[in-house]
Amino acid sequence: MPQKLIQIYTHPTCEDSQALKRFLSEGEVPYNEVDVTESNERRNQLKHDTGNEITPGIVVETKNLFGKKKRNTFSGYSANKGNINRLLH
């Protein structure tokens, strides 16, 4: 099974961010959270990684058995819920 590294960019008042965190926690999916309210650098990293400043920003990096990496990015949870669920399970 491919190894998955998940990084999410969140904002504490964003309902979509909170829904994503609940979804990942309920599914016991490990992730790294970056709160974009803490610095301009973090907001810039969100824009660099996803192409915009929409939260939540989701970056899923998978590595197959041969070490090849693939990166999937999503902006927003509700609109991408199905794709995120398929990618993670």
C-alpha atoms as a PDB file:
ATOM      1  CA  MET A   1       0.000   0.000   0.000  1.00  0.00           C
ATOM      2  CA  PRO A   2       1.366   3.457  -0.869  1.00  0.00           C
ATOM      3  CA  GLN A   3       2.636   5.652   1.930  1.00  0.00           C
ATOM      4  CA  LYS A   4       0.619   8.885   2.310  1.00  0.00           C
ATOM      5  CA  LEU A   5       1.719  12.176   3.828  1.00  0.00           C
ATOM      6  CA  ILE A   6      -1.085  14.670   4.387  1.00  0.00           C
ATOM      7  CA  GLN A   7      -0.693  18.347   5.108  1.00  0.00           C
ATOM      8  CA  ILE A   8      -3.705  20.585   5.615  1.00  0.00           C
ATOM      9  CA  TYR A   9      -3.743  24.372   5.724  1.00  0.00           C
ATOM     10  CA  THR A  10      -6.523  25.613   7.983  1.00  0.00           C
ATOM     11  CA  HIS A  11      -8.107  28.706   9.455  1.00  0.00           C
ATOM     12  CA  PRO A  12      -9.767  28.411  12.899  1.00  0.00           C
ATOM     13  CA  THR A  13     -13.021  30.120  11.830  1.00  0.00           C
ATOM     14  CA  CYS A  14     -13.353  28.203   8.545  1.00  0.00           C
ATOM     15  CA  GLU A  15     -16.192  25.654   8.795  1.00  0.00           C
ATOM     16  CA  ASP A  16     -14.746  23.618   5.927  1.00  0.00           C
ATOM     17  CA  SER A  17     -11.399  23.403   7.770  1.00  0.00           C
ATOM     18  CA  GLN A  18     -13.117  22.122  10.906  1.00  0.00           C
ATOM     19  CA  ALA A  19     -15.159  19.583   8.902  1.00  0.00           C
ATOM     20  CA  LEU A  20     -11.987  18.285   7.236  1.00  0.00           C
ATOM     21  CA  LYS A  21     -10.229  17.871  10.580  1.00  0.00           C
ATOM     22  CA  ARG A  22     -13.244  15.936  11.943  1.00  0.00           C
ATOM     23  CA  PHE A  23     -13.286  13.705   8.852  1.00  0.00           C
ATOM     24  CA  LEU A  24      -9.585  12.899   9.140  1.00  0.00           C
ATOM     25  CA  SER A  25      -9.708  12.374  12.908  1.00  0.00           C
ATOM     26  CA  GLU A  26     -12.778  10.119  12.735  1.00  0.00           C
ATOM     27  CA  GLY A  27     -11.057   8.035  10.064  1.00  0.00           C
ATOM     28  CA  GLU A  28      -7.861   7.973  12.143  1.00  0.00           C
ATOM     29  CA  VAL A  29      -5.964   9.471   9.216  1.00  0.00           C
ATOM     30  CA  PRO A  30      -2.732  11.117  10.406  1.00  0.00           C
ATOM     31  CA  TYR A  31      -2.079  14.619   9.120  1.00  0.00           C
ATOM     32  CA  ASN A  32       0.042  17.687   9.707  1.00  0.00           C
ATOM     33  CA  GLU A  33      -1.927  20.894  10.284  1.00  0.00           C
ATOM     34  CA  VAL A  34      -0.692  24.365   9.380  1.00  0.00           C
ATOM     35  CA  ASP A  35      -2.754  27.257  10.787  1.00  0.00           C
ATOM     36  CA  VAL A  36      -2.432  30.023   8.194  1.00  0.00           C
ATOM     37  CA  THR A  37      -3.447  32.737  10.668  1.00  0.00           C
ATOM     38  CA  GLU A  38      -0.112  32.463  12.452  1.00  0.00           C
ATOM     39  CA  SER A  39       2.063  34.118   9.783  1.00  0.00           C
ATOM     40  CA  ASN A  40       2.288  35.540   6.274  1.00  0.00           C
ATOM     41  CA  GLU A  41       4.872  32.864   5.525  1.00  0.00           C
ATOM     42  CA  ARG A  42       2.284  30.138   6.133  1.00  0.00           C
ATOM     43  CA  ARG A  43      -0.261  31.871   3.872  1.00  0.00           C
ATOM     44  CA  ASN A  44       2.406  32.153   1.183  1.00  0.00           C
ATOM     45  CA  GLN A  45       3.185  28.443   1.565  1.00  0.00           C
ATOM     46  CA  LEU A  46      -0.538  27.634   1.145  1.00  0.00           C
ATOM     47  CA  LYS A  47      -0.603  29.676  -2.069  1.00  0.00           C
ATOM     48  CA  HIS A  48       2.601  28.013  -3.295  1.00  0.00           C
ATOM     49  CA  ASP A  49       1.331  24.496  -2.577  1.00  0.00           C
ATOM     50  CA  THR A  50      -2.267  24.851  -3.828  1.00  0.00           C
ATOM     51  CA  GLY A  51      -2.197  27.826  -6.178  1.00  0.00           C
ATOM     52  CA  ASN A  52      -4.534  29.960  -4.063  1.00  0.00           C
ATOM     53  CA  GLU A  53      -5.329  31.046  -0.503  1.00  0.00           C
ATOM     54  CA  ILE A  54      -8.540  29.049   0.020  1.00  0.00           C
ATOM     55  CA  THR A  55      -8.786  27.055   3.247  1.00  0.00           C
ATOM     56  CA  PRO A  56      -8.645  24.284   3.822  1.00  0.00           C
ATOM     57  CA  GLY A  57      -5.805  23.587   1.477  1.00  0.00           C
ATOM     58  CA  ILE A  58      -5.052  19.886   1.282  1.00  0.00           C
ATOM     59  CA  VAL A  59      -1.821  18.355   0.011  1.00  0.00           C
ATOM     60  CA  VAL A  60      -1.626  14.567  -0.201  1.00  0.00           C
ATOM     61  CA  GLU A  61       1.723  13.142  -1.180  1.00  0.00           C
ATOM     62  CA  THR A  62       1.836   9.436  -1.937  1.00  0.00           C
ATOM     63  CA  LYS A  63       4.899   7.303  -2.404  1.00  0.00           C
ATOM     64  CA  ASN A  64       4.594   3.928  -4.112  1.00  0.00           C
ATOM     65  CA  LEU A  65       6.642   0.813  -3.399  1.00  0.00           C
ATOM     66  CA  PHE A  66       9.328   1.966  -5.835  1.00  0.00           C
ATOM     67  CA  GLY A  67       9.703   5.351  -4.134  1.00  0.00           C
ATOM     68  CA  LYS A  68       7.993   7.391  -6.849  1.00  0.00           C
ATOM     69  CA  LYS A  69       6.117  10.377  -5.400  1.00  0.00           C
ATOM     70  CA  LYS A  70       2.794  11.775  -6.553  1.00  0.00           C
ATOM     71  CA  ARG A  71       1.295  14.973  -5.190  1.00  0.00           C
ATOM     72  CA  ASN A  72      -2.426  15.774  -5.138  1.00  0.00           C
ATOM     73  CA  THR A  73      -3.716  19.162  -4.036  1.00  0.00           C
ATOM     74  CA  PHE A  74      -7.219  20.341  -3.227  1.00  0.00           C
ATOM     75  CA  SER A  75      -8.703  23.692  -2.272  1.00  0.00           C
ATOM     76  CA  GLY A  76     -11.737  23.410  -0.037  1.00  0.00           C
ATOM     77  CA  TYR A  77     -13.159  20.289   1.553  1.00  0.00           C
ATOM     78  CA  SER A  78     -16.889  20.217   0.743  1.00  0.00           C
ATOM     79  CA  ALA A  79     -16.400  20.491  -3.019  1.00  0.00           C
ATOM     80  CA  ASN A  80     -13.654  17.824  -3.004  1.00  0.00           C
ATOM     81  CA  LYS A  81     -14.923  15.435  -0.329  1.00  0.00           C
ATOM     82  CA  GLY A  82     -15.501  12.513  -2.702  1.00  0.00           C
ATOM     83  CA  ASN A  83     -12.085  12.801  -4.351  1.00  0.00           C
ATOM     84  CA  ILE A  84     -10.331  13.163  -0.999  1.00  0.00           C
ATOM     85  CA  ASN A  85     -12.159  10.137   0.414  1.00  0.00           C
ATOM     86  CA  ARG A  86     -11.210   7.968  -2.597  1.00  0.00           C
ATOM     87  CA  LEU A  87      -7.598   9.088  -2.413  1.00  0.00           C
ATOM     88  CA  LEU A  88      -7.254   8.324   1.292  1.00  0.00           C
ATOM     89  CA  HIS A  89      -9.080   4.978   1.387  1.00  0.00           C
END
